[in-house]
Amino acid sequence: MIQIYVDADACPVKDEVFRVARRHGLTVHVVSNSRLNLPRDPLFKAVVVSGRFDAADDWIVEQAAAGDIAVTSDIPLADRCLKKGARVLDPKGRLFTEDSIVDAMASREISAFLRDMGELGTGPKPYAPADRSRFLGALENQIQALLKLERTRAPGRTLHD
């Protein structure tokens, strides 16, 4: 069964994930460094990790598998999840792929270099209603694609097998 992992500390689309997951009966693991309030639903699991740097990322990567979905804006985490076979969406609905993650990692490195040099001072664009809508569509599309894959597998086997 599809599992959804949310890198939750700064995720603006948790409520959207809950709504879509509830409709499909999917478990959502909300991973954070501090306790977050979740809707009361047995499908939603709060995972609080230590404050250690990358603890949430490490937990998600340990758990994620082919046929799962990770939601994160953290590009190195997205890369690690892709290597485990999970599908990865950012909160603006961008699907990371093996091809796009290479460009995203390179852009991240260039941006970090420019920031260190004092050349780049602006952050990402503010989150907009169109981003939320795009995310909802992308999440639904990925769930539908994974469900279709599950239906075509041999009886008794899942995407995790």
C-alpha atoms as a PDB file:
ATOM      1  CA  MET A   1       0.000   0.000   0.000  1.00  0.00           C
ATOM      2  CA  ILE A   2       1.169   3.499  -0.804  1.00  0.00           C
ATOM      3  CA  GLN A   3       2.649   5.415   2.141  1.00  0.00           C
ATOM      4  CA  ILE A   4       3.061   9.201   2.104  1.00  0.00           C
ATOM      5  CA  TYR A   5       5.974  10.806   3.961  1.00  0.00           C
ATOM      6  CA  VAL A   6       5.801  14.527   4.695  1.00  0.00           C
ATOM      7  CA  ASP A   7       8.909  16.510   5.604  1.00  0.00           C
ATOM      8  CA  ALA A   8       6.665  18.554   7.844  1.00  0.00           C
ATOM      9  CA  ASP A   9       8.532  21.273   9.722  1.00  0.00           C
ATOM     10  CA  ALA A  10       8.016  23.920   7.037  1.00  0.00           C
ATOM     11  CA  CYS A  11       5.506  22.176   4.789  1.00  0.00           C
ATOM     12  CA  PRO A  12       2.607  24.434   3.703  1.00  0.00           C
ATOM     13  CA  VAL A  13       0.492  21.601   2.235  1.00  0.00           C
ATOM     14  CA  LYS A  14      -0.057  19.233   5.163  1.00  0.00           C
ATOM     15  CA  ASP A  15      -3.825  19.830   5.147  1.00  0.00           C
ATOM     16  CA  GLU A  16      -3.967  19.084   1.420  1.00  0.00           C
ATOM     17  CA  VAL A  17      -2.036  15.849   1.928  1.00  0.00           C
ATOM     18  CA  PHE A  18      -4.443  14.835   4.699  1.00  0.00           C
ATOM     19  CA  ARG A  19      -7.483  15.532   2.532  1.00  0.00           C
ATOM     20  CA  VAL A  20      -6.212  13.526  -0.452  1.00  0.00           C
ATOM     21  CA  ALA A  21      -4.855  10.688   1.701  1.00  0.00           C
ATOM     22  CA  ARG A  22      -8.127  10.361   3.603  1.00  0.00           C
ATOM     23  CA  ARG A  23     -10.042  10.102   0.310  1.00  0.00           C
ATOM     24  CA  HIS A  24      -7.782   7.207  -0.776  1.00  0.00           C
ATOM     25  CA  GLY A  25      -7.339   5.601   2.652  1.00  0.00           C
ATOM     26  CA  LEU A  26      -3.556   6.132   2.623  1.00  0.00           C
ATOM     27  CA  THR A  27      -1.270   6.365   5.635  1.00  0.00           C
ATOM     28  CA  VAL A  28       0.592   9.654   6.057  1.00  0.00           C
ATOM     29  CA  HIS A  29       3.755   9.891   8.154  1.00  0.00           C
ATOM     30  CA  VAL A  30       4.231  13.497   9.270  1.00  0.00           C
ATOM     31  CA  VAL A  31       7.898  13.774  10.209  1.00  0.00           C
ATOM     32  CA  SER A  32       9.125  16.767  12.198  1.00  0.00           C
ATOM     33  CA  ASN A  33      11.619  17.909  14.798  1.00  0.00           C
ATOM     34  CA  SER A  34       8.855  19.041  17.161  1.00  0.00           C
ATOM     35  CA  ARG A  35       5.332  17.975  17.965  1.00  0.00           C
ATOM     36  CA  LEU A  36       2.704  19.101  15.462  1.00  0.00           C
ATOM     37  CA  ASN A  37      -1.056  18.946  15.830  1.00  0.00           C
ATOM     38  CA  LEU A  38      -2.562  16.464  13.393  1.00  0.00           C
ATOM     39  CA  PRO A  39      -6.185  15.715  12.649  1.00  0.00           C
ATOM     40  CA  ARG A  40      -7.452  12.801  14.720  1.00  0.00           C
ATOM     41  CA  ASP A  41      -7.353   9.992  12.204  1.00  0.00           C
ATOM     42  CA  PRO A  42      -5.652   6.597  12.454  1.00  0.00           C
ATOM     43  CA  LEU A  43      -4.251   7.147   8.940  1.00  0.00           C
ATOM     44  CA  PHE A  44      -2.090  10.057  10.124  1.00  0.00           C
ATOM     45  CA  LYS A  45       1.056   9.225  12.084  1.00  0.00           C
ATOM     46  CA  ALA A  46       3.115  11.890  13.831  1.00  0.00           C
ATOM     47  CA  VAL A  47       6.824  11.070  13.884  1.00  0.00           C
ATOM     48  CA  VAL A  48       8.921  13.368  16.063  1.00  0.00           C
ATOM     49  CA  VAL A  49      12.647  12.915  15.566  1.00  0.00           C
ATOM     50  CA  SER A  50      15.553  14.301  17.556  1.00  0.00           C
ATOM     51  CA  GLY A  51      16.780  17.804  16.873  1.00  0.00           C
ATOM     52  CA  ARG A  52      19.877  16.319  15.230  1.00  0.00           C
ATOM     53  CA  PHE A  53      20.609  17.851  11.820  1.00  0.00           C
ATOM     54  CA  ASP A  54      18.888  15.827   9.073  1.00  0.00           C
ATOM     55  CA  ALA A  55      17.173  13.491  11.569  1.00  0.00           C
ATOM     56  CA  ALA A  56      13.813  13.905   9.808  1.00  0.00           C
ATOM     57  CA  ASP A  57      15.440  13.363   6.418  1.00  0.00           C
ATOM     58  CA  ASP A  58      17.211  10.234   7.636  1.00  0.00           C
ATOM     59  CA  TRP A  59      13.995   8.781   9.072  1.00  0.00           C
ATOM     60  CA  ILE A  60      12.076   9.394   5.845  1.00  0.00           C
ATOM     61  CA  VAL A  61      14.826   7.822   3.720  1.00  0.00           C
ATOM     62  CA  GLU A  62      15.001   4.763   5.999  1.00  0.00           C
ATOM     63  CA  GLN A  63      11.251   4.202   5.629  1.00  0.00           C
ATOM     64  CA  ALA A  64      10.506   5.242   2.035  1.00  0.00           C
ATOM     65  CA  ALA A  65      10.341   2.584  -0.651  1.00  0.00           C
ATOM     66  CA  ALA A  66       9.265   2.127  -4.245  1.00  0.00           C
ATOM     67  CA  GLY A  67       5.581   2.892  -4.487  1.00  0.00           C
ATOM     68  CA  ASP A  68       5.660   5.567  -1.777  1.00  0.00           C
ATOM     69  CA  ILE A  69       5.403   9.346  -2.083  1.00  0.00           C
ATOM     70  CA  ALA A  70       7.560  11.884  -0.264  1.00  0.00           C
ATOM     71  CA  VAL A  71       6.583  15.549   0.031  1.00  0.00           C
ATOM     72  CA  THR A  72       9.527  17.870   0.564  1.00  0.00           C
ATOM     73  CA  SER A  73      11.150  21.043  -0.676  1.00  0.00           C
ATOM     74  CA  ASP A  74      14.538  19.729   0.504  1.00  0.00           C
ATOM     75  CA  ILE A  75      16.415  18.854  -2.680  1.00  0.00           C
ATOM     76  CA  PRO A  76      19.036  16.533  -1.104  1.00  0.00           C
ATOM     77  CA  LEU A  77      16.203  14.647   0.648  1.00  0.00           C
ATOM     78  CA  ALA A  78      14.328  14.420  -2.661  1.00  0.00           C
ATOM     79  CA  ASP A  79      17.450  12.945  -4.269  1.00  0.00           C
ATOM     80  CA  ARG A  80      17.826  10.350  -1.500  1.00  0.00           C
ATOM     81  CA  CYS A  81      14.141   9.351  -1.738  1.00  0.00           C
ATOM     82  CA  LEU A  82      14.346   8.996  -5.515  1.00  0.00           C
ATOM     83  CA  LYS A  83      17.293   6.644  -5.062  1.00  0.00           C
ATOM     84  CA  LYS A  84      15.036   4.476  -2.858  1.00  0.00           C
ATOM     85  CA  GLY A  85      12.456   4.366  -5.663  1.00  0.00           C
ATOM     86  CA  ALA A  86       9.918   6.716  -4.048  1.00  0.00           C
ATOM     87  CA  ARG A  87       8.133   9.428  -5.963  1.00  0.00           C
ATOM     88  CA  VAL A  88       8.835  12.937  -4.727  1.00  0.00           C
ATOM     89  CA  LEU A  89       6.773  16.125  -4.926  1.00  0.00           C
ATOM     90  CA  ASP A  90       7.625  19.561  -3.658  1.00  0.00           C
ATOM     91  CA  PRO A  91       4.867  21.682  -2.042  1.00  0.00           C
ATOM     92  CA  LYS A  92       4.391  23.612  -5.283  1.00  0.00           C
ATOM     93  CA  GLY A  93       3.536  20.427  -7.174  1.00  0.00           C
ATOM     94  CA  ARG A  94       6.849  19.892  -8.928  1.00  0.00           C
ATOM     95  CA  LEU A  95       7.579  16.213  -9.475  1.00  0.00           C
ATOM     96  CA  PHE A  96      11.237  15.383  -8.974  1.00  0.00           C
ATOM     97  CA  THR A  97      12.583  12.751 -11.355  1.00  0.00           C
ATOM     98  CA  GLU A  98      15.984  11.165 -11.884  1.00  0.00           C
ATOM     99  CA  ASP A  99      16.583  13.706 -14.666  1.00  0.00           C
ATOM    100  CA  SER A 100      15.247  16.820 -12.926  1.00  0.00           C
ATOM    101  CA  ILE A 101      16.994  16.172  -9.618  1.00  0.00           C
ATOM    102  CA  VAL A 102      20.395  16.599 -11.251  1.00  0.00           C
ATOM    103  CA  ASP A 103      19.455  20.090 -12.417  1.00  0.00           C
ATOM    104  CA  ALA A 104      17.849  20.906  -9.059  1.00  0.00           C
ATOM    105  CA  MET A 105      20.989  19.846  -7.165  1.00  0.00           C
ATOM    106  CA  ALA A 106      23.184  21.920  -9.483  1.00  0.00           C
ATOM    107  CA  SER A 107      20.922  24.979  -9.131  1.00  0.00           C
ATOM    108  CA  ARG A 108      21.000  24.574  -5.371  1.00  0.00           C
ATOM    109  CA  GLU A 109      24.792  24.534  -5.356  1.00  0.00           C
ATOM    110  CA  ILE A 110      25.000  27.597  -7.608  1.00  0.00           C
ATOM    111  CA  SER A 111      22.511  29.476  -5.419  1.00  0.00           C
ATOM    112  CA  ALA A 112      24.467  28.582  -2.272  1.00  0.00           C
ATOM    113  CA  PHE A 113      27.690  29.782  -3.885  1.00  0.00           C
ATOM    114  CA  LEU A 114      26.097  33.075  -4.967  1.00  0.00           C
ATOM    115  CA  ARG A 115      24.613  33.602  -1.497  1.00  0.00           C
ATOM    116  CA  ASP A 116      28.028  32.985   0.070  1.00  0.00           C
ATOM    117  CA  MET A 117      29.479  35.588  -2.294  1.00  0.00           C
ATOM    118  CA  GLY A 118      26.755  38.087  -1.342  1.00  0.00           C
ATOM    119  CA  GLU A 119      25.355  38.106  -4.863  1.00  0.00           C
ATOM    120  CA  LEU A 120      21.965  36.545  -4.206  1.00  0.00           C
ATOM    121  CA  GLY A 121      19.710  38.059  -1.575  1.00  0.00           C
ATOM    122  CA  THR A 122      16.158  37.012  -2.394  1.00  0.00           C
ATOM    123  CA  GLY A 123      14.548  33.791  -1.303  1.00  0.00           C
ATOM    124  CA  PRO A 124      11.890  31.739  -3.043  1.00  0.00           C
ATOM    125  CA  LYS A 125       8.688  33.331  -4.303  1.00  0.00           C
ATOM    126  CA  PRO A 126       5.868  33.421  -1.746  1.00  0.00           C
ATOM    127  CA  TYR A 127       3.532  30.451  -1.713  1.00  0.00           C
ATOM    128  CA  ALA A 128       0.447  31.232  -3.824  1.00  0.00           C
ATOM    129  CA  PRO A 129      -3.034  29.684  -4.242  1.00  0.00           C
ATOM    130  CA  ALA A 130      -1.979  28.446  -7.699  1.00  0.00           C
ATOM    131  CA  ASP A 131       0.875  26.510  -6.029  1.00  0.00           C
ATOM    132  CA  ARG A 132      -1.599  24.796  -3.699  1.00  0.00           C
ATOM    133  CA  SER A 133      -3.822  23.853  -6.629  1.00  0.00           C
ATOM    134  CA  ARG A 134      -0.865  22.566  -8.646  1.00  0.00           C
ATOM    135  CA  PHE A 135       0.268  20.479  -5.666  1.00  0.00           C
ATOM    136  CA  LEU A 136      -3.180  18.915  -5.215  1.00  0.00           C
ATOM    137  CA  GLY A 137      -3.297  17.940  -8.889  1.00  0.00           C
ATOM    138  CA  ALA A 138       0.229  16.523  -8.835  1.00  0.00           C
ATOM    139  CA  LEU A 139      -0.406  14.495  -5.662  1.00  0.00           C
ATOM    140  CA  GLU A 140      -3.624  13.058  -7.073  1.00  0.00           C
ATOM    141  CA  ASN A 141      -1.852  12.200 -10.358  1.00  0.00           C
ATOM    142  CA  GLN A 142       0.949  10.358  -8.553  1.00  0.00           C
ATOM    143  CA  ILE A 143      -1.477   8.415  -6.375  1.00  0.00           C
ATOM    144  CA  GLN A 144      -3.535   7.424  -9.420  1.00  0.00           C
ATOM    145  CA  ALA A 145      -0.390   6.322 -11.289  1.00  0.00           C
ATOM    146  CA  LEU A 146       0.766   4.214  -8.328  1.00  0.00           C
ATOM    147  CA  LEU A 147      -2.687   2.665  -7.867  1.00  0.00           C
ATOM    148  CA  LYS A 148      -2.714   1.761 -11.548  1.00  0.00           C
ATOM    149  CA  LEU A 149       0.697   0.093 -11.145  1.00  0.00           C
ATOM    150  CA  GLU A 150      -0.577  -1.854  -8.131  1.00  0.00           C
ATOM    151  CA  ARG A 151      -3.562  -3.121 -10.128  1.00  0.00           C
ATOM    152  CA  THR A 152      -1.289  -4.424 -12.912  1.00  0.00           C
ATOM    153  CA  ARG A 153       1.024  -6.338 -10.532  1.00  0.00           C
ATOM    154  CA  ALA A 154       0.656 -10.046  -9.920  1.00  0.00           C
ATOM    155  CA  PRO A 155      -2.004 -10.950  -7.335  1.00  0.00           C
ATOM    156  CA  GLY A 156      -0.679 -10.763  -3.796  1.00  0.00           C
ATOM    157  CA  ARG A 157       2.281  -8.531  -4.730  1.00  0.00           C
ATOM    158  CA  THR A 158       2.606  -4.836  -3.992  1.00  0.00           C
ATOM    159  CA  LEU A 159       4.901  -2.098  -5.198  1.00  0.00           C
ATOM    160  CA  HIS A 160       6.997  -2.729  -2.085  1.00  0.00           C
ATOM    161  CA  ASP A 161       7.724  -6.365  -3.100  1.00  0.00           C
END
